[in-house]
């Protein structure tokens, strides 16, 4: 059966090797799955950190905008007070 599958799947770009040691093949397959899990976990953590950084920047921008608006309102009140005093 192994030789038939090798003839079907073997190409110049995809090499198929027939191995009689089943335990080693199982172990290599399990390690491959573990490696993929670690890589995807790293990717997910990286994406979460990027989203958190973007969210923090948005929060800082909103607080800066609010502070600017408060300052602008205070300046407007001061100008209005000066005009009111001058009109008396």
PDB file of N, CA and C in Angstrom:
ATOM      1  N   UNK A   1       0.823  -1.207   0.000  1.00  0.00           N
ATOM      2  CA  UNK A   1       0.000   0.000   0.000  1.00  0.00           C
ATOM      3  C   UNK A   1       0.858   1.258   0.000  1.00  0.00           C
ATOM      4  N   UNK A   2       1.966   1.250   0.794  1.00  0.00           N
ATOM      5  CA  UNK A   2       2.842   2.413   0.864  1.00  0.00           C
ATOM      6  C   UNK A   2       3.468   2.756  -0.476  1.00  0.00           C
ATOM      7  N   UNK A   3       3.852   1.756  -1.231  1.00  0.00           N
ATOM      8  CA  UNK A   3       4.480   2.010  -2.536  1.00  0.00           C
ATOM      9  C   UNK A   3       3.472   2.611  -3.528  1.00  0.00           C
ATOM     10  N   UNK A   4       2.223   2.166  -3.451  1.00  0.00           N
ATOM     11  CA  UNK A   4       1.187   2.706  -4.337  1.00  0.00           C
ATOM     12  C   UNK A   4       0.955   4.183  -4.028  1.00  0.00           C
ATOM     13  N   UNK A   5       0.840   4.505  -2.734  1.00  0.00           N
ATOM     14  CA  UNK A   5       0.634   5.906  -2.350  1.00  0.00           C
ATOM     15  C   UNK A   5       1.837   6.768  -2.726  1.00  0.00           C
ATOM     16  N   UNK A   6       3.034   6.204  -2.601  1.00  0.00           N
ATOM     17  CA  UNK A   6       4.235   6.950  -2.974  1.00  0.00           C
ATOM     18  C   UNK A   6       4.199   7.286  -4.460  1.00  0.00           C
ATOM     19  N   UNK A   7       3.827   6.340  -5.299  1.00  0.00           N
ATOM     20  CA  UNK A   7       3.761   6.577  -6.748  1.00  0.00           C
ATOM     21  C   UNK A   7       2.707   7.631  -7.077  1.00  0.00           C
ATOM     22  N   UNK A   8       1.610   7.637  -6.319  1.00  0.00           N
ATOM     23  CA  UNK A   8       0.533   8.600  -6.591  1.00  0.00           C
ATOM     24  C   UNK A   8       0.948  10.022  -6.202  1.00  0.00           C
ATOM     25  N   UNK A   9       1.547  10.189  -5.017  1.00  0.00           N
ATOM     26  CA  UNK A   9       1.808  11.524  -4.474  1.00  0.00           C
ATOM     27  C   UNK A   9       3.188  12.089  -4.777  1.00  0.00           C
ATOM     28  N   UNK A  10       4.159  11.269  -5.097  1.00  0.00           N
ATOM     29  CA  UNK A  10       5.537  11.747  -5.301  1.00  0.00           C
ATOM     30  C   UNK A  10       5.617  12.612  -6.564  1.00  0.00           C
ATOM     31  N   UNK A  11       6.206  13.792  -6.406  1.00  0.00           N
ATOM     32  CA  UNK A  11       6.490  14.687  -7.536  1.00  0.00           C
ATOM     33  C   UNK A  11       7.905  15.221  -7.347  1.00  0.00           C
ATOM     34  N   UNK A  12       8.438  15.959  -8.320  1.00  0.00           N
ATOM     35  CA  UNK A  12       9.764  16.542  -8.115  1.00  0.00           C
ATOM     36  C   UNK A  12       9.794  17.557  -6.960  1.00  0.00           C
ATOM     37  N   UNK A  13       8.630  18.107  -6.596  1.00  0.00           N
ATOM     38  CA  UNK A  13       8.559  19.115  -5.540  1.00  0.00           C
ATOM     39  C   UNK A  13       8.062  18.551  -4.202  1.00  0.00           C
ATOM     40  N   UNK A  14       7.528  17.339  -4.204  1.00  0.00           N
ATOM     41  CA  UNK A  14       6.968  16.729  -2.995  1.00  0.00           C
ATOM     42  C   UNK A  14       7.520  15.316  -2.872  1.00  0.00           C
ATOM     43  N   UNK A  15       8.402  15.122  -1.906  1.00  0.00           N
ATOM     44  CA  UNK A  15       9.062  13.832  -1.746  1.00  0.00           C
ATOM     45  C   UNK A  15       8.310  12.979  -0.728  1.00  0.00           C
ATOM     46  N   UNK A  16       8.084  11.739  -1.065  1.00  0.00           N
ATOM     47  CA  UNK A  16       7.418  10.794  -0.175  1.00  0.00           C
ATOM     48  C   UNK A  16       8.433   9.718   0.205  1.00  0.00           C
ATOM     49  N   UNK A  17       8.523   9.429   1.513  1.00  0.00           N
ATOM     50  CA  UNK A  17       9.443   8.417   2.010  1.00  0.00           C
ATOM     51  C   UNK A  17       8.630   7.361   2.755  1.00  0.00           C
ATOM     52  N   UNK A  18       8.901   6.111   2.474  1.00  0.00           N
ATOM     53  CA  UNK A  18       8.228   5.020   3.168  1.00  0.00           C
ATOM     54  C   UNK A  18       9.060   4.670   4.401  1.00  0.00           C
ATOM     55  N   UNK A  19       8.407   4.692   5.580  1.00  0.00           N
ATOM     56  CA  UNK A  19       9.088   4.438   6.842  1.00  0.00           C
ATOM     57  C   UNK A  19       8.369   3.296   7.556  1.00  0.00           C
ATOM     58  N   UNK A  20       9.145   2.398   8.136  1.00  0.00           N
ATOM     59  CA  UNK A  20       8.537   1.275   8.849  1.00  0.00           C
ATOM     60  C   UNK A  20       8.383   1.552  10.350  1.00  0.00           C
ATOM     61  N   UNK A  21       8.996   2.611  10.847  1.00  0.00           N
ATOM     62  CA  UNK A  21       8.951   2.936  12.277  1.00  0.00           C
ATOM     63  C   UNK A  21       7.738   3.829  12.558  1.00  0.00           C
ATOM     64  N   UNK A  22       6.626   3.207  12.943  1.00  0.00           N
ATOM     65  CA  UNK A  22       5.368   3.936  13.136  1.00  0.00           C
ATOM     66  C   UNK A  22       5.431   4.917  14.300  1.00  0.00           C
ATOM     67  N   UNK A  23       6.115   4.549  15.391  1.00  0.00           N
ATOM     68  CA  UNK A  23       6.179   5.422  16.565  1.00  0.00           C
ATOM     69  C   UNK A  23       6.869   6.746  16.241  1.00  0.00           C
ATOM     70  N   UNK A  24       7.937   6.674  15.467  1.00  0.00           N
ATOM     71  CA  UNK A  24       8.655   7.908  15.101  1.00  0.00           C
ATOM     72  C   UNK A  24       7.797   8.808  14.235  1.00  0.00           C
ATOM     73  N   UNK A  25       7.050   8.207  13.334  1.00  0.00           N
ATOM     74  CA  UNK A  25       6.165   8.996  12.465  1.00  0.00           C
ATOM     75  C   UNK A  25       5.091   9.677  13.306  1.00  0.00           C
ATOM     76  N   UNK A  26       4.513   8.954  14.256  1.00  0.00           N
ATOM     77  CA  UNK A  26       3.494   9.527  15.142  1.00  0.00           C
ATOM     78  C   UNK A  26       4.082  10.673  15.976  1.00  0.00           C
ATOM     79  N   UNK A  27       5.282  10.475  16.490  1.00  0.00           N
ATOM     80  CA  UNK A  27       5.934  11.498  17.303  1.00  0.00           C
ATOM     81  C   UNK A  27       6.201  12.761  16.486  1.00  0.00           C
ATOM     82  N   UNK A  28       6.694  12.579  15.268  1.00  0.00           N
ATOM     83  CA  UNK A  28       6.959  13.743  14.403  1.00  0.00           C
ATOM     84  C   UNK A  28       5.669  14.487  14.079  1.00  0.00           C
ATOM     85  N   UNK A  29       4.594  13.744  13.851  1.00  0.00           N
ATOM     86  CA  UNK A  29       3.304  14.380  13.586  1.00  0.00           C
ATOM     87  C   UNK A  29       2.810  15.177  14.784  1.00  0.00           C
ATOM     88  N   UNK A  30       2.973  14.616  15.980  1.00  0.00           N
ATOM     89  CA  UNK A  30       2.553  15.318  17.197  1.00  0.00           C
ATOM     90  C   UNK A  30       3.382  16.573  17.419  1.00  0.00           C
ATOM     91  N   UNK A  31       4.681  16.490  17.195  1.00  0.00           N
ATOM     92  CA  UNK A  31       5.541  17.673  17.348  1.00  0.00           C
ATOM     93  C   UNK A  31       5.183  18.760  16.340  1.00  0.00           C
ATOM     94  N   UNK A  32       4.805  18.345  15.157  1.00  0.00           N
ATOM     95  CA  UNK A  32       4.399  19.307  14.124  1.00  0.00           C
ATOM     96  C   UNK A  32       3.144  20.069  14.568  1.00  0.00           C
ATOM     97  N   UNK A  33       2.191  19.347  15.170  1.00  0.00           N
ATOM     98  CA  UNK A  33       0.964  19.979  15.662  1.00  0.00           C
ATOM     99  C   UNK A  33       1.288  20.950  16.802  1.00  0.00           C
ATOM    100  N   UNK A  34       2.185  20.545  17.722  1.00  0.00           N
ATOM    101  CA  UNK A  34       2.577  21.417  18.837  1.00  0.00           C
ATOM    102  C   UNK A  34       3.236  22.691  18.322  1.00  0.00           C
ATOM    103  N   UNK A  35       4.101  22.546  17.342  1.00  0.00           N
ATOM    104  CA  UNK A  35       4.780  23.716  16.764  1.00  0.00           C
ATOM    105  C   UNK A  35       3.773  24.674  16.141  1.00  0.00           C
ATOM    106  N   UNK A  36       2.815  24.137  15.415  1.00  0.00           N
ATOM    107  CA  UNK A  36       1.790  24.977  14.788  1.00  0.00           C
ATOM    108  C   UNK A  36       0.966  25.696  15.860  1.00  0.00           C
ATOM    109  N   UNK A  37       0.638  25.003  16.947  1.00  0.00           N
ATOM    110  CA  UNK A  37      -0.141  25.619  18.028  1.00  0.00           C
ATOM    111  C   UNK A  37       0.624  26.774  18.651  1.00  0.00           C
ATOM    112  N   UNK A  38       1.921  26.597  18.863  1.00  0.00           N
ATOM    113  CA  UNK A  38       2.738  27.672  19.442  1.00  0.00           C
ATOM    114  C   UNK A  38       2.804  28.861  18.496  1.00  0.00           C
ATOM    115  N   UNK A  39       2.970  28.601  17.203  1.00  0.00           N
ATOM    116  CA  UNK A  39       3.041  29.696  16.230  1.00  0.00           C
ATOM    117  C   UNK A  39       1.727  30.474  16.187  1.00  0.00           C
ATOM    118  N   UNK A  40       0.595  29.777  16.181  1.00  0.00           N
ATOM    119  CA  UNK A  40      -0.685  30.469  16.122  1.00  0.00           C
ATOM    120  C   UNK A  40      -0.979  31.206  17.427  1.00  0.00           C
ATOM    121  N   UNK A  41      -0.555  30.643  18.551  1.00  0.00           N
ATOM    122  CA  UNK A  41      -0.729  31.332  19.823  1.00  0.00           C
ATOM    123  C   UNK A  41       0.072  32.624  19.839  1.00  0.00           C
ATOM    124  N   UNK A  42       1.302  32.574  19.329  1.00  0.00           N
ATOM    125  CA  UNK A  42       2.139  33.773  19.249  1.00  0.00           C
ATOM    126  C   UNK A  42       1.478  34.817  18.351  1.00  0.00           C
ATOM    127  N   UNK A  43       0.913  34.373  17.246  1.00  0.00           N
ATOM    128  CA  UNK A  43       0.240  35.291  16.329  1.00  0.00           C
ATOM    129  C   UNK A  43      -0.961  35.958  17.003  1.00  0.00           C
ATOM    130  N   UNK A  44      -1.751  35.175  17.717  1.00  0.00           N
ATOM    131  CA  UNK A  44      -2.937  35.718  18.386  1.00  0.00           C
ATOM    132  C   UNK A  44      -2.535  36.715  19.470  1.00  0.00           C
ATOM    133  N   UNK A  45      -1.508  36.391  20.251  1.00  0.00           N
ATOM    134  CA  UNK A  45      -1.042  37.313  21.288  1.00  0.00           C
ATOM    135  C   UNK A  45      -0.539  38.602  20.666  1.00  0.00           C
ATOM    136  N   UNK A  46       0.177  38.493  19.561  1.00  0.00           N
ATOM    137  CA  UNK A  46       0.678  39.680  18.867  1.00  0.00           C
ATOM    138  C   UNK A  46      -0.467  40.562  18.388  1.00  0.00           C
ATOM    139  N   UNK A  47      -1.515  39.951  17.829  1.00  0.00           N
ATOM    140  CA  UNK A  47      -2.675  40.728  17.367  1.00  0.00           C
ATOM    141  C   UNK A  47      -3.399  41.408  18.522  1.00  0.00           C
ATOM    142  N   UNK A  48      -3.537  40.707  19.646  1.00  0.00           N
ATOM    143  CA  UNK A  48      -4.191  41.295  20.819  1.00  0.00           C
ATOM    144  C   UNK A  48      -3.397  42.491  21.328  1.00  0.00           C
ATOM    145  N   UNK A  49      -2.069  42.366  21.344  1.00  0.00           N
ATOM    146  CA  UNK A  49      -1.235  43.476  21.808  1.00  0.00           C
ATOM    147  C   UNK A  49      -1.347  44.676  20.868  1.00  0.00           C
ATOM    148  N   UNK A  50      -1.418  44.426  19.558  1.00  0.00           N
ATOM    149  CA  UNK A  50      -1.579  45.523  18.598  1.00  0.00           C
ATOM    150  C   UNK A  50      -2.917  46.221  18.795  1.00  0.00           C
ATOM    151  N   UNK A  51      -3.980  45.437  19.009  1.00  0.00           N
ATOM    152  CA  UNK A  51      -5.298  46.041  19.241  1.00  0.00           C
ATOM    153  C   UNK A  51      -5.321  46.853  20.532  1.00  0.00           C
ATOM    154  N   UNK A  52      -4.661  46.345  21.572  1.00  0.00           N
ATOM    155  CA  UNK A  52      -4.608  47.071  22.843  1.00  0.00           C
ATOM    156  C   UNK A  52      -3.850  48.384  22.679  1.00  0.00           C
ATOM    157  N   UNK A  53      -2.760  48.367  21.933  1.00  0.00           N
ATOM    158  CA  UNK A  53      -1.990  49.591  21.710  1.00  0.00           C
ATOM    159  C   UNK A  53      -2.810  50.601  20.917  1.00  0.00           C
ATOM    160  N   UNK A  54      -3.535  50.119  19.920  1.00  0.00           N
ATOM    161  CA  UNK A  54      -4.370  51.016  19.114  1.00  0.00           C
ATOM    162  C   UNK A  54      -5.488  51.610  19.971  1.00  0.00           C
ATOM    163  N   UNK A  55      -6.081  50.802  20.827  1.00  0.00           N
ATOM    164  CA  UNK A  55      -7.142  51.267  21.714  1.00  0.00           C
ATOM    165  C   UNK A  55      -6.612  52.316  22.688  1.00  0.00           C
ATOM    166  N   UNK A  56      -5.405  52.102  23.204  1.00  0.00           N
ATOM    167  CA  UNK A  56      -4.803  53.054  24.132  1.00  0.00           C
ATOM    168  C   UNK A  56      -4.527  54.386  23.434  1.00  0.00           C
ATOM    169  N   UNK A  57      -4.050  54.323  22.190  1.00  0.00           N
ATOM    170  CA  UNK A  57      -3.798  55.564  21.445  1.00  0.00           C
ATOM    171  C   UNK A  57      -5.097  56.324  21.222  1.00  0.00           C
ATOM    172  N   UNK A  58      -6.182  55.585  20.905  1.00  0.00           N
ATOM    173  CA  UNK A  58      -7.481  56.236  20.714  1.00  0.00           C
ATOM    174  C   UNK A  58      -7.961  56.881  22.011  1.00  0.00           C
ATOM    175  N   UNK A  59      -7.760  56.218  23.134  1.00  0.00           N
ATOM    176  CA  UNK A  59      -8.173  56.771  24.428  1.00  0.00           C
ATOM    177  C   UNK A  59      -7.377  58.022  24.753  1.00  0.00           C
ATOM    178  N   UNK A  60      -6.061  58.009  24.472  1.00  0.00           N
ATOM    179  CA  UNK A  60      -5.232  59.192  24.723  1.00  0.00           C
ATOM    180  C   UNK A  60      -5.671  60.350  23.831  1.00  0.00           C
ATOM    181  N   UNK A  61      -6.022  60.048  22.571  1.00  0.00           N
ATOM    182  CA  UNK A  61      -6.472  61.098  21.661  1.00  0.00           C
ATOM    183  C   UNK A  61      -7.775  61.705  22.156  1.00  0.00           C
ATOM    184  N   UNK A  62      -8.702  60.859  22.609  1.00  0.00           N
ATOM    185  CA  UNK A  62      -9.983  61.373  23.097  1.00  0.00           C
ATOM    186  C   UNK A  62      -9.791  62.239  24.334  1.00  0.00           C
ATOM    187  N   UNK A  63      -8.908  61.832  25.247  1.00  0.00           N
ATOM    188  CA  UNK A  63      -8.693  62.636  26.449  1.00  0.00           C
ATOM    189  C   UNK A  63      -8.011  63.951  26.084  1.00  0.00           C
ATOM    190  N   UNK A  64      -7.108  63.946  25.116  1.00  0.00           N
ATOM    191  CA  UNK A  64      -6.457  65.176  24.667  1.00  0.00           C
ATOM    192  C   UNK A  64      -7.486  66.106  24.026  1.00  0.00           C
ATOM    193  N   UNK A  65      -8.372  65.535  23.245  1.00  0.00           N
ATOM    194  CA  UNK A  65      -9.409  66.324  22.588  1.00  0.00           C
ATOM    195  C   UNK A  65     -10.314  66.966  23.633  1.00  0.00           C
ATOM    196  N   UNK A  66     -10.676  66.213  24.668  1.00  0.00           N
ATOM    197  CA  UNK A  66     -11.532  66.738  25.717  1.00  0.00           C
ATOM    198  C   UNK A  66     -10.833  67.887  26.452  1.00  0.00           C
ATOM    199  N   UNK A  67      -9.560  67.702  26.762  1.00  0.00           N
ATOM    200  CA  UNK A  67      -8.800  68.745  27.439  1.00  0.00           C
ATOM    201  C   UNK A  67      -8.745  69.999  26.581  1.00  0.00           C
ATOM    202  N   UNK A  68      -8.531  69.814  25.275  1.00  0.00           N
ATOM    203  CA  UNK A  68      -8.493  70.960  24.379  1.00  0.00           C
ATOM    204  C   UNK A  68      -9.827  71.688  24.392  1.00  0.00           C
ATOM    205  N   UNK A  69     -10.929  70.953  24.334  1.00  0.00           N
ATOM    206  CA  UNK A  69     -12.248  71.574  24.341  1.00  0.00           C
ATOM    207  C   UNK A  69     -12.504  72.313  25.651  1.00  0.00           C
ATOM    208  N   UNK A  70     -12.071  71.740  26.773  1.00  0.00           N
ATOM    209  CA  UNK A  70     -12.236  72.419  28.054  1.00  0.00           C
ATOM    210  C   UNK A  70     -11.441  73.726  28.073  1.00  0.00           C
ATOM    211  N   UNK A  71     -10.216  73.697  27.574  1.00  0.00           N
ATOM    212  CA  UNK A  71      -9.388  74.911  27.517  1.00  0.00           C
ATOM    213  C   UNK A  71     -10.025  75.940  26.599  1.00  0.00           C
ATOM    214  N   UNK A  72     -10.547  75.503  25.492  1.00  0.00           N
ATOM    215  CA  UNK A  72     -11.180  76.401  24.540  1.00  0.00           C
ATOM    216  C   UNK A  72     -12.397  77.065  25.180  1.00  0.00           C
ATOM    217  N   UNK A  73     -13.166  76.289  25.956  1.00  0.00           N
ATOM    218  CA  UNK A  73     -14.326  76.834  26.646  1.00  0.00           C
ATOM    219  C   UNK A  73     -13.894  77.868  27.688  1.00  0.00           C
ATOM    220  N   UNK A  74     -12.832  77.593  28.444  1.00  0.00           N
ATOM    221  CA  UNK A  74     -12.343  78.541  29.441  1.00  0.00           C
ATOM    222  C   UNK A  74     -11.891  79.836  28.781  1.00  0.00           C
ATOM    223  N   UNK A  75     -11.200  79.732  27.644  1.00  0.00           N
ATOM    224  CA  UNK A  75     -10.752  80.936  26.936  1.00  0.00           C
ATOM    225  C   UNK A  75     -11.943  81.742  26.430  1.00  0.00           C
ATOM    226  N   UNK A  76     -12.972  81.058  25.970  1.00  0.00           N
ATOM    227  CA  UNK A  76     -14.168  81.744  25.490  1.00  0.00           C
ATOM    228  C   UNK A  76     -14.842  82.490  26.628  1.00  0.00           C
ATOM    229  N   UNK A  77     -14.926  81.878  27.809  1.00  0.00           N
ATOM    230  CA  UNK A  77     -15.528  82.531  28.973  1.00  0.00           C
ATOM    231  C   UNK A  77     -14.715  83.763  29.354  1.00  0.00           C
ATOM    232  N   UNK A  78     -13.376  83.679  29.339  1.00  0.00           N
ATOM    233  CA  UNK A  78     -12.533  84.825  29.683  1.00  0.00           C
ATOM    234  C   UNK A  78     -12.747  85.971  28.699  1.00  0.00           C
ATOM    235  N   UNK A  79     -12.839  85.651  27.424  1.00  0.00           N
ATOM    236  CA  UNK A  79     -13.057  86.701  26.415  1.00  0.00           C
ATOM    237  C   UNK A  79     -14.418  87.354  26.641  1.00  0.00           C
ATOM    238  N   UNK A  80     -15.437  86.555  26.934  1.00  0.00           N
ATOM    239  CA  UNK A  80     -16.772  87.087  27.168  1.00  0.00           C
ATOM    240  C   UNK A  80     -16.775  87.993  28.402  1.00  0.00           C
ATOM    241  N   UNK A  81     -16.057  87.593  29.465  1.00  0.00           N
ATOM    242  CA  UNK A  81     -15.985  88.411  30.675  1.00  0.00           C
ATOM    243  C   UNK A  81     -15.314  89.745  30.392  1.00  0.00           C
ATOM    244  N   UNK A  82     -14.255  89.742  29.587  1.00  0.00           N
ATOM    245  CA  UNK A  82     -13.566  90.976  29.243  1.00  0.00           C
ATOM    246  C   UNK A  82     -14.500  91.901  28.449  1.00  0.00           C
ATOM    247  N   UNK A  83     -15.240  91.319  27.513  1.00  0.00           N
ATOM    248  CA  UNK A  83     -16.149  92.130  26.724  1.00  0.00           C
ATOM    249  C   UNK A  83     -17.262  92.713  27.597  1.00  0.00           C
ATOM    250  N   UNK A  84     -17.725  91.921  28.547  1.00  0.00           N
ATOM    251  CA  UNK A  84     -18.785  92.407  29.437  1.00  0.00           C
ATOM    252  C   UNK A  84     -18.265  93.540  30.298  1.00  0.00           C
ATOM    253  N   UNK A  85     -17.056  93.440  30.772  1.00  0.00           N
ATOM    254  CA  UNK A  85     -16.475  94.508  31.622  1.00  0.00           C
ATOM    255  C   UNK A  85     -16.247  95.762  30.805  1.00  0.00           C
ATOM    256  N   UNK A  86     -15.843  95.635  29.582  1.00  0.00           N
ATOM    257  CA  UNK A  86     -15.579  96.795  28.730  1.00  0.00           C
ATOM    258  C   UNK A  86     -16.846  97.513  28.323  1.00  0.00           C
ATOM    259  N   UNK A  87     -17.947  96.805  28.273  1.00  0.00           N
ATOM    260  CA  UNK A  87     -19.196  97.438  27.849  1.00  0.00           C
ATOM    261  C   UNK A  87     -19.849  98.227  28.975  1.00  0.00           C
ATOM    262  N   UNK A  88     -19.408  98.026  30.196  1.00  0.00           N
ATOM    263  CA  UNK A  88     -20.012  98.729  31.347  1.00  0.00           C
ATOM    264  C   UNK A  88     -19.550 100.145  31.408  1.00  0.00           C
TER     265      UNK A  88
END
